[in-house]
Amino acid sequence: MGFTTTIILNPSVLLYNLLNQLPAVLYLQPKDYRVGFYNQRFYEVFGDLTGKRCYEAIAGLKQLCPEYFTFGVFDSNALQ
Protein backbone atom coordinates (compact mmCIF):
# COMPACT_ATOMS: atom_id res chain seq x y z
CA MET A 1 0.00 0.00 0.00
CA GLY A 2 1.41 3.41 -1.02
CA PHE A 3 0.97 6.74 0.62
CA THR A 4 1.05 10.32 -0.54
CA THR A 5 3.05 13.03 1.16
CA THR A 6 1.69 16.53 0.97
CA ILE A 7 4.09 19.37 1.53
CA ILE A 8 2.56 22.69 2.44
CA LEU A 9 4.89 25.56 1.61
CA ASN A 10 4.51 28.93 3.22
CA PRO A 11 4.31 31.63 0.50
CA SER A 12 6.43 34.01 2.61
CA VAL A 13 9.19 31.42 2.88
CA LEU A 14 9.06 30.82 -0.86
CA LEU A 15 9.33 34.56 -1.56
CA TYR A 16 12.29 35.04 0.81
CA ASN A 17 14.05 32.04 -0.72
CA LEU A 18 13.50 33.43 -4.21
CA LEU A 19 14.78 36.89 -3.23
CA ASN A 20 17.86 35.39 -1.57
CA GLN A 21 18.78 33.54 -4.75
CA LEU A 22 18.69 36.62 -6.98
CA PRO A 23 22.15 37.59 -8.29
CA ALA A 24 21.28 41.27 -7.67
CA VAL A 25 21.59 43.42 -4.54
CA LEU A 26 18.13 43.84 -3.04
CA TYR A 27 16.83 45.24 0.22
CA LEU A 28 13.50 46.36 1.62
CA GLN A 29 13.28 49.53 3.61
CA PRO A 30 10.53 50.88 5.87
CA LYS A 31 9.68 54.59 5.99
CA ASP A 32 12.29 55.28 8.69
CA TYR A 33 15.02 54.61 6.07
CA ARG A 34 16.51 51.72 8.02
CA VAL A 35 17.67 48.61 6.22
CA GLY A 36 15.06 45.91 6.77
CA PHE A 37 15.16 42.64 4.87
CA TYR A 38 18.05 42.14 2.47
CA ASN A 39 19.04 39.27 0.24
CA GLN A 40 22.20 37.17 0.26
CA ARG A 41 23.89 39.23 -2.48
CA PHE A 42 23.34 42.45 -0.49
CA TYR A 43 24.97 40.79 2.54
CA GLU A 44 27.95 39.68 0.42
CA VAL A 45 28.48 43.25 -0.83
CA PHE A 46 27.62 45.36 2.23
CA GLY A 47 27.62 42.99 5.22
CA ASP A 48 25.03 43.09 7.99
CA LEU A 49 23.37 46.52 7.94
CA THR A 50 20.17 45.50 9.71
CA GLY A 51 18.59 48.49 11.43
CA LYS A 52 21.07 51.04 10.08
CA ARG A 53 19.81 53.96 8.01
CA CYS A 54 20.39 53.36 4.30
CA TYR A 55 21.96 56.74 3.58
CA GLU A 56 24.51 56.28 6.39
CA ALA A 57 25.33 52.63 5.85
CA ILE A 58 25.26 52.43 2.04
CA ALA A 59 26.06 55.96 0.86
CA GLY A 60 28.11 57.16 3.85
CA LEU A 61 25.98 60.30 4.24
CA LYS A 62 24.73 62.04 7.39
CA GLN A 63 21.37 62.92 5.84
CA LEU A 64 18.97 61.63 3.24
CA CYS A 65 20.34 61.32 -0.29
CA PRO A 66 19.69 64.53 -2.30
CA GLU A 67 17.70 62.86 -5.08
CA TYR A 68 15.75 60.34 -3.07
CA PHE A 69 12.58 59.10 -4.78
CA THR A 70 11.86 55.81 -3.02
CA PHE A 71 8.79 56.91 -1.09
CA GLY A 72 7.64 59.50 -3.61
CA VAL A 73 5.80 56.83 -5.53
CA PHE A 74 3.74 55.98 -2.45
CA ASP A 75 3.07 59.61 -1.56
CA SER A 76 2.02 60.68 -5.06
CA ASN A 77 0.62 57.38 -6.41
CA ALA A 78 2.47 58.21 -9.62
CA LEU A 79 5.57 56.97 -11.40
CA GLN A 80 8.75 58.82 -10.47
C-alpha atoms as a PDB file:
ATOM      1  CA  MET A   1       0.000   0.000   0.000  1.00  0.00           C
ATOM      2  CA  GLY A   2       1.415   3.410  -1.016  1.00  0.00           C
ATOM      3  CA  PHE A   3       0.965   6.737   0.623  1.00  0.00           C
ATOM      4  CA  THR A   4       1.048  10.323  -0.543  1.00  0.00           C
ATOM      5  CA  THR A   5       3.049  13.032   1.155  1.00  0.00           C
ATOM      6  CA  THR A   6       1.685  16.532   0.972  1.00  0.00           C
ATOM      7  CA  ILE A   7       4.090  19.374   1.532  1.00  0.00           C
ATOM      8  CA  ILE A   8       2.565  22.690   2.440  1.00  0.00           C
ATOM      9  CA  LEU A   9       4.889  25.555   1.607  1.00  0.00           C
ATOM     10  CA  ASN A  10       4.505  28.932   3.223  1.00  0.00           C
ATOM     11  CA  PRO A  11       4.307  31.630   0.501  1.00  0.00           C
ATOM     12  CA  SER A  12       6.433  34.006   2.605  1.00  0.00           C
ATOM     13  CA  VAL A  13       9.190  31.420   2.881  1.00  0.00           C
ATOM     14  CA  LEU A  14       9.055  30.819  -0.862  1.00  0.00           C
ATOM     15  CA  LEU A  15       9.335  34.558  -1.558  1.00  0.00           C
ATOM     16  CA  TYR A  16      12.294  35.041   0.808  1.00  0.00           C
ATOM     17  CA  ASN A  17      14.055  32.035  -0.722  1.00  0.00           C
ATOM     18  CA  LEU A  18      13.504  33.430  -4.213  1.00  0.00           C
ATOM     19  CA  LEU A  19      14.781  36.892  -3.230  1.00  0.00           C
ATOM     20  CA  ASN A  20      17.858  35.386  -1.569  1.00  0.00           C
ATOM     21  CA  GLN A  21      18.775  33.541  -4.749  1.00  0.00           C
ATOM     22  CA  LEU A  22      18.693  36.621  -6.983  1.00  0.00           C
ATOM     23  CA  PRO A  23      22.147  37.593  -8.286  1.00  0.00           C
ATOM     24  CA  ALA A  24      21.281  41.274  -7.671  1.00  0.00           C
ATOM     25  CA  VAL A  25      21.587  43.416  -4.545  1.00  0.00           C
ATOM     26  CA  LEU A  26      18.128  43.839  -3.045  1.00  0.00           C
ATOM     27  CA  TYR A  27      16.828  45.236   0.221  1.00  0.00           C
ATOM     28  CA  LEU A  28      13.500  46.364   1.624  1.00  0.00           C
ATOM     29  CA  GLN A  29      13.283  49.531   3.611  1.00  0.00           C
ATOM     30  CA  PRO A  30      10.528  50.877   5.868  1.00  0.00           C
ATOM     31  CA  LYS A  31       9.678  54.586   5.991  1.00  0.00           C
ATOM     32  CA  ASP A  32      12.287  55.282   8.695  1.00  0.00           C
ATOM     33  CA  TYR A  33      15.024  54.610   6.066  1.00  0.00           C
ATOM     34  CA  ARG A  34      16.509  51.716   8.024  1.00  0.00           C
ATOM     35  CA  VAL A  35      17.674  48.612   6.224  1.00  0.00           C
ATOM     36  CA  GLY A  36      15.064  45.907   6.774  1.00  0.00           C
ATOM     37  CA  PHE A  37      15.162  42.643   4.871  1.00  0.00           C
ATOM     38  CA  TYR A  38      18.051  42.140   2.465  1.00  0.00           C
ATOM     39  CA  ASN A  39      19.040  39.271   0.239  1.00  0.00           C
ATOM     40  CA  GLN A  40      22.203  37.171   0.262  1.00  0.00           C
ATOM     41  CA  ARG A  41      23.889  39.229  -2.482  1.00  0.00           C
ATOM     42  CA  PHE A  42      23.335  42.447  -0.486  1.00  0.00           C
ATOM     43  CA  TYR A  43      24.970  40.793   2.538  1.00  0.00           C
ATOM     44  CA  GLU A  44      27.946  39.685   0.424  1.00  0.00           C
ATOM     45  CA  VAL A  45      28.484  43.249  -0.832  1.00  0.00           C
ATOM     46  CA  PHE A  46      27.623  45.358   2.234  1.00  0.00           C
ATOM     47  CA  GLY A  47      27.623  42.994   5.217  1.00  0.00           C
ATOM     48  CA  ASP A  48      25.033  43.092   7.993  1.00  0.00           C
ATOM     49  CA  LEU A  49      23.374  46.516   7.939  1.00  0.00           C
ATOM     50  CA  THR A  50      20.166  45.497   9.710  1.00  0.00           C
ATOM     51  CA  GLY A  51      18.588  48.489  11.426  1.00  0.00           C
ATOM     52  CA  LYS A  52      21.065  51.045  10.080  1.00  0.00           C
ATOM     53  CA  ARG A  53      19.815  53.958   8.012  1.00  0.00           C
ATOM     54  CA  CYS A  54      20.394  53.360   4.302  1.00  0.00           C
ATOM     55  CA  TYR A  55      21.958  56.739   3.577  1.00  0.00           C
ATOM     56  CA  GLU A  56      24.514  56.284   6.389  1.00  0.00           C
ATOM     57  CA  ALA A  57      25.331  52.629   5.850  1.00  0.00           C
ATOM     58  CA  ILE A  58      25.263  52.430   2.042  1.00  0.00           C
ATOM     59  CA  ALA A  59      26.057  55.961   0.857  1.00  0.00           C
ATOM     60  CA  GLY A  60      28.115  57.165   3.853  1.00  0.00           C
ATOM     61  CA  LEU A  61      25.984  60.301   4.241  1.00  0.00           C
ATOM     62  CA  LYS A  62      24.731  62.037   7.391  1.00  0.00           C
ATOM     63  CA  GLN A  63      21.371  62.918   5.839  1.00  0.00           C
ATOM     64  CA  LEU A  64      18.965  61.631   3.237  1.00  0.00           C
ATOM     65  CA  CYS A  65      20.336  61.317  -0.290  1.00  0.00           C
ATOM     66  CA  PRO A  66      19.686  64.528  -2.300  1.00  0.00           C
ATOM     67  CA  GLU A  67      17.696  62.864  -5.075  1.00  0.00           C
ATOM     68  CA  TYR A  68      15.747  60.336  -3.070  1.00  0.00           C
ATOM     69  CA  PHE A  69      12.580  59.095  -4.783  1.00  0.00           C
ATOM     70  CA  THR A  70      11.857  55.815  -3.024  1.00  0.00           C
ATOM     71  CA  PHE A  71       8.787  56.910  -1.089  1.00  0.00           C
ATOM     72  CA  GLY A  72       7.640  59.497  -3.613  1.00  0.00           C
ATOM     73  CA  VAL A  73       5.801  56.834  -5.526  1.00  0.00           C
ATOM     74  CA  PHE A  74       3.738  55.975  -2.448  1.00  0.00           C
ATOM     75  CA  ASP A  75       3.071  59.612  -1.561  1.00  0.00           C
ATOM     76  CA  SER A  76       2.022  60.675  -5.058  1.00  0.00           C
ATOM     77  CA  ASN A  77       0.624  57.380  -6.409  1.00  0.00           C
ATOM     78  CA  ALA A  78       2.473  58.213  -9.625  1.00  0.00           C
ATOM     79  CA  LEU A  79       5.569  56.973 -11.401  1.00  0.00           C
ATOM     80  CA  GLN A  80       8.746  58.815 -10.466  1.00  0.00           C
END
